[in-house]
Amino acid sequence: MTIGVDHRRKGYATEAVVVLLRFMFAERRYHKCLAAILAHNEASLALFRRLGFTEEGRLREHVFFAGRHHDLVRMGMLAGEFDRRHAMSGP
């Protein structure tokens, strides 16, 4: 997911991820969601931690762009963890 520069820090990413997770867990009955985030993207890592994701691993130098390799952080959340934090039936 990418939020345009002019629209960052306004809660749009948080709202979008929560709506997506509510659909995944409540409607589609998924058990787990995994996210892959570049390790240098501190804003996205902080967002997913605030939402309740847990870091499950790091793939060292896994992605190559801009002339160098970057670590990729894998984060996960289980349906029960989401429900405890965000109530699947809520808005």
N, C-alpha and C. Protein backbone atom coordinates (compact mmCIF):
# COMPACT_ATOMS: atom_id res chain seq x y z
N MET A 1 0.84 -1.15 0.00
CA MET A 1 0.00 0.00 0.00
C MET A 1 0.90 1.23 0.00
N THR A 2 0.50 2.22 -0.77
CA THR A 2 1.23 3.48 -0.80
C THR A 2 0.25 4.62 -0.64
N ILE A 3 0.60 5.56 0.22
CA ILE A 3 -0.21 6.76 0.43
C ILE A 3 0.59 7.93 -0.13
N GLY A 4 -0.05 8.75 -0.96
CA GLY A 4 0.62 9.90 -1.57
C GLY A 4 1.19 10.83 -0.52
N VAL A 5 2.28 11.48 -0.86
CA VAL A 5 3.00 12.35 0.08
C VAL A 5 2.08 13.40 0.70
N ASP A 6 1.21 14.00 -0.08
CA ASP A 6 0.32 15.05 0.44
C ASP A 6 -0.73 14.53 1.40
N HIS A 7 -0.91 13.21 1.45
CA HIS A 7 -1.98 12.63 2.26
C HIS A 7 -1.48 11.77 3.43
N ARG A 8 -0.19 11.77 3.65
CA ARG A 8 0.38 10.97 4.74
C ARG A 8 0.14 11.63 6.08
N ARG A 9 0.19 10.80 7.15
CA ARG A 9 0.05 11.25 8.54
C ARG A 9 -1.35 11.79 8.83
N LYS A 10 -2.36 11.29 8.10
CA LYS A 10 -3.74 11.72 8.31
C LYS A 10 -4.64 10.56 8.70
N GLY A 11 -4.06 9.38 8.91
CA GLY A 11 -4.83 8.22 9.33
C GLY A 11 -5.40 7.38 8.21
N TYR A 12 -5.14 7.73 6.97
CA TYR A 12 -5.69 6.98 5.85
C TYR A 12 -5.15 5.56 5.79
N ALA A 13 -3.86 5.38 6.00
CA ALA A 13 -3.27 4.04 5.95
C ALA A 13 -3.83 3.18 7.07
N THR A 14 -3.94 3.74 8.26
CA THR A 14 -4.50 2.99 9.39
C THR A 14 -5.90 2.53 9.07
N GLU A 15 -6.72 3.45 8.60
CA GLU A 15 -8.11 3.11 8.28
C GLU A 15 -8.17 2.05 7.18
N ALA A 16 -7.36 2.19 6.15
CA ALA A 16 -7.38 1.24 5.04
C ALA A 16 -6.97 -0.16 5.50
N VAL A 17 -5.93 -0.26 6.32
CA VAL A 17 -5.47 -1.57 6.78
C VAL A 17 -6.52 -2.21 7.69
N VAL A 18 -7.12 -1.44 8.58
CA VAL A 18 -8.13 -2.00 9.49
C VAL A 18 -9.35 -2.48 8.69
N VAL A 19 -9.79 -1.73 7.69
CA VAL A 19 -10.92 -2.16 6.86
C VAL A 19 -10.56 -3.46 6.13
N LEU A 20 -9.37 -3.52 5.57
CA LEU A 20 -8.92 -4.73 4.86
C LEU A 20 -8.86 -5.92 5.81
N LEU A 21 -8.28 -5.72 6.99
CA LEU A 21 -8.18 -6.83 7.95
C LEU A 21 -9.55 -7.28 8.44
N ARG A 22 -10.45 -6.34 8.66
CA ARG A 22 -11.80 -6.71 9.09
C ARG A 22 -12.47 -7.58 8.01
N PHE A 23 -12.29 -7.21 6.75
CA PHE A 23 -12.83 -8.02 5.64
C PHE A 23 -12.17 -9.39 5.61
N MET A 24 -10.84 -9.42 5.71
CA MET A 24 -10.11 -10.69 5.66
C MET A 24 -10.55 -11.64 6.76
N PHE A 25 -10.59 -11.13 7.99
CA PHE A 25 -10.85 -11.99 9.14
C PHE A 25 -12.33 -12.26 9.37
N ALA A 26 -13.18 -11.26 9.27
CA ALA A 26 -14.61 -11.43 9.59
C ALA A 26 -15.40 -12.00 8.42
N GLU A 27 -15.13 -11.49 7.22
CA GLU A 27 -15.91 -11.92 6.06
C GLU A 27 -15.32 -13.15 5.37
N ARG A 28 -14.03 -13.12 5.13
CA ARG A 28 -13.38 -14.21 4.38
C ARG A 28 -12.87 -15.33 5.30
N ARG A 29 -12.86 -15.09 6.60
CA ARG A 29 -12.50 -16.08 7.62
C ARG A 29 -11.04 -16.54 7.54
N TYR A 30 -10.17 -15.65 7.10
CA TYR A 30 -8.74 -15.96 7.14
C TYR A 30 -8.29 -16.07 8.59
N HIS A 31 -7.27 -16.85 8.83
CA HIS A 31 -6.74 -17.03 10.18
C HIS A 31 -5.56 -16.09 10.45
N LYS A 32 -4.82 -15.74 9.39
CA LYS A 32 -3.59 -14.96 9.59
C LYS A 32 -3.36 -14.03 8.41
N CYS A 33 -2.79 -12.87 8.71
CA CYS A 33 -2.36 -11.92 7.68
C CYS A 33 -0.86 -11.71 7.83
N LEU A 34 -0.15 -11.76 6.71
CA LEU A 34 1.28 -11.48 6.69
C LEU A 34 1.52 -10.20 5.89
N ALA A 35 2.47 -9.40 6.36
CA ALA A 35 2.87 -8.18 5.65
C ALA A 35 4.38 -8.24 5.43
N ALA A 36 4.83 -7.67 4.32
CA ALA A 36 6.25 -7.58 4.01
C ALA A 36 6.59 -6.10 3.88
N ILE A 37 7.54 -5.63 4.70
CA ILE A 37 7.86 -4.21 4.76
C ILE A 37 9.37 -4.04 4.67
N LEU A 38 9.81 -3.12 3.83
CA LEU A 38 11.24 -2.86 3.75
C LEU A 38 11.74 -2.32 5.10
N ALA A 39 12.87 -2.83 5.54
CA ALA A 39 13.37 -2.53 6.89
C ALA A 39 13.66 -1.05 7.10
N HIS A 40 13.97 -0.32 6.07
CA HIS A 40 14.27 1.11 6.25
C HIS A 40 13.00 1.97 6.29
N ASN A 41 11.84 1.37 6.08
CA ASN A 41 10.59 2.12 6.09
C ASN A 41 10.03 2.17 7.51
N GLU A 42 10.63 3.02 8.32
CA GLU A 42 10.27 3.11 9.74
C GLU A 42 8.81 3.49 9.96
N ALA A 43 8.26 4.35 9.11
CA ALA A 43 6.86 4.77 9.28
C ALA A 43 5.92 3.58 9.12
N SER A 44 6.15 2.75 8.12
CA SER A 44 5.28 1.58 7.90
C SER A 44 5.47 0.55 9.00
N LEU A 45 6.70 0.34 9.43
CA LEU A 45 6.94 -0.60 10.54
C LEU A 45 6.21 -0.14 11.79
N ALA A 46 6.27 1.15 12.08
CA ALA A 46 5.59 1.69 13.26
C ALA A 46 4.08 1.54 13.13
N LEU A 47 3.53 1.80 11.95
CA LEU A 47 2.10 1.65 11.71
C LEU A 47 1.65 0.23 11.99
N PHE A 48 2.35 -0.74 11.43
CA PHE A 48 1.93 -2.13 11.60
C PHE A 48 2.10 -2.59 13.05
N ARG A 49 3.12 -2.09 13.72
CA ARG A 49 3.26 -2.42 15.16
C ARG A 49 2.09 -1.83 15.95
N ARG A 50 1.72 -0.57 15.66
CA ARG A 50 0.59 0.06 16.36
C ARG A 50 -0.70 -0.72 16.12
N LEU A 51 -0.86 -1.28 14.93
CA LEU A 51 -2.07 -2.03 14.61
C LEU A 51 -2.09 -3.40 15.29
N GLY A 52 -0.94 -3.84 15.81
CA GLY A 52 -0.90 -5.11 16.53
C GLY A 52 -0.15 -6.22 15.82
N PHE A 53 0.51 -5.92 14.72
CA PHE A 53 1.31 -6.93 14.02
C PHE A 53 2.56 -7.23 14.84
N THR A 54 3.05 -8.45 14.71
CA THR A 54 4.26 -8.91 15.38
C THR A 54 5.32 -9.22 14.32
N GLU A 55 6.55 -8.77 14.56
CA GLU A 55 7.62 -9.10 13.64
C GLU A 55 7.91 -10.59 13.74
N GLU A 56 7.84 -11.28 12.61
CA GLU A 56 8.04 -12.73 12.59
C GLU A 56 9.36 -13.12 11.96
N GLY A 57 9.99 -12.19 11.29
CA GLY A 57 11.28 -12.53 10.70
C GLY A 57 11.80 -11.42 9.82
N ARG A 58 13.04 -11.58 9.44
CA ARG A 58 13.70 -10.59 8.59
C ARG A 58 14.48 -11.35 7.53
N LEU A 59 14.24 -11.02 6.29
CA LEU A 59 14.98 -11.60 5.17
C LEU A 59 16.09 -10.62 4.81
N ARG A 60 17.29 -10.99 5.15
CA ARG A 60 18.42 -10.09 4.97
C ARG A 60 18.76 -9.91 3.50
N GLU A 61 18.95 -8.64 3.12
CA GLU A 61 19.33 -8.26 1.75
C GLU A 61 18.49 -9.00 0.71
N HIS A 62 17.22 -9.02 0.92
CA HIS A 62 16.29 -9.81 0.11
C HIS A 62 15.80 -9.07 -1.14
N VAL A 63 15.72 -7.75 -1.07
CA VAL A 63 15.18 -6.96 -2.18
C VAL A 63 16.28 -6.06 -2.73
N PHE A 64 16.40 -6.03 -4.06
CA PHE A 64 17.41 -5.18 -4.69
C PHE A 64 16.72 -4.05 -5.44
N PHE A 65 17.03 -2.82 -5.07
CA PHE A 65 16.60 -1.66 -5.85
C PHE A 65 17.48 -0.48 -5.48
N ALA A 66 17.47 0.52 -6.34
CA ALA A 66 18.29 1.72 -6.15
C ALA A 66 19.76 1.35 -5.93
N GLY A 67 20.20 0.31 -6.62
CA GLY A 67 21.61 -0.04 -6.60
C GLY A 67 22.12 -0.79 -5.39
N ARG A 68 21.21 -1.23 -4.51
CA ARG A 68 21.68 -1.99 -3.35
C ARG A 68 20.61 -2.94 -2.84
N HIS A 69 21.02 -3.84 -1.96
CA HIS A 69 20.10 -4.80 -1.36
C HIS A 69 19.53 -4.25 -0.06
N HIS A 70 18.27 -4.61 0.21
CA HIS A 70 17.57 -4.14 1.40
C HIS A 70 16.94 -5.32 2.13
N ASP A 71 16.91 -5.23 3.46
CA ASP A 71 16.24 -6.25 4.27
C ASP A 71 14.73 -6.09 4.13
N LEU A 72 14.03 -7.23 4.21
CA LEU A 72 12.57 -7.24 4.18
C LEU A 72 12.08 -7.82 5.50
N VAL A 73 11.23 -7.09 6.19
CA VAL A 73 10.69 -7.51 7.49
C VAL A 73 9.32 -8.14 7.25
N ARG A 74 9.14 -9.35 7.80
CA ARG A 74 7.85 -10.05 7.72
C ARG A 74 7.13 -9.84 9.04
N MET A 75 5.89 -9.35 8.96
CA MET A 75 5.08 -9.12 10.15
C MET A 75 3.77 -9.87 9.99
N GLY A 76 3.23 -10.36 11.10
CA GLY A 76 2.01 -11.13 11.03
C GLY A 76 1.03 -10.77 12.13
N MET A 77 -0.26 -11.05 11.84
CA MET A 77 -1.32 -10.88 12.83
C MET A 77 -2.32 -12.00 12.65
N LEU A 78 -2.74 -12.59 13.77
CA LEU A 78 -3.76 -13.63 13.77
C LEU A 78 -5.14 -13.01 13.96
N ALA A 79 -6.16 -13.72 13.52
CA ALA A 79 -7.53 -13.22 13.61
C ALA A 79 -7.91 -12.86 15.04
N GLY A 80 -7.56 -13.70 16.00
CA GLY A 80 -7.89 -13.43 17.39
C GLY A 80 -7.20 -12.18 17.92
N GLU A 81 -5.97 -11.95 17.48
CA GLU A 81 -5.24 -10.75 17.90
C GLU A 81 -5.93 -9.50 17.34
N PHE A 82 -6.37 -9.59 16.09
CA PHE A 82 -7.09 -8.46 15.49
C PHE A 82 -8.39 -8.20 16.24
N ASP A 83 -9.13 -9.24 16.53
CA ASP A 83 -10.43 -9.08 17.19
C ASP A 83 -10.27 -8.45 18.57
N ARG A 84 -9.26 -8.83 19.31
CA ARG A 84 -9.04 -8.25 20.64
C ARG A 84 -8.73 -6.75 20.57
N ARG A 85 -8.05 -6.32 19.52
CA ARG A 85 -7.67 -4.93 19.40
C ARG A 85 -8.69 -4.07 18.67
N HIS A 86 -9.38 -4.65 17.69
CA HIS A 86 -10.19 -3.85 16.77
C HIS A 86 -11.63 -4.29 16.66
N ALA A 87 -12.05 -5.30 17.36
CA ALA A 87 -13.43 -5.80 17.33
C ALA A 87 -13.94 -5.96 15.89
N MET A 88 -14.05 -7.19 15.47
CA MET A 88 -14.41 -7.47 14.07
C MET A 88 -15.77 -6.92 13.67
N SER A 89 -16.65 -6.70 14.60
CA SER A 89 -17.98 -6.21 14.23
C SER A 89 -18.07 -4.69 14.25
N GLY A 90 -16.99 -4.01 14.65
CA GLY A 90 -17.01 -2.54 14.76
C GLY A 90 -16.92 -1.84 13.42
N PRO A 91 -16.92 -0.49 13.46
CA PRO A 91 -16.87 0.29 12.21
C PRO A 91 -15.55 0.16 11.49
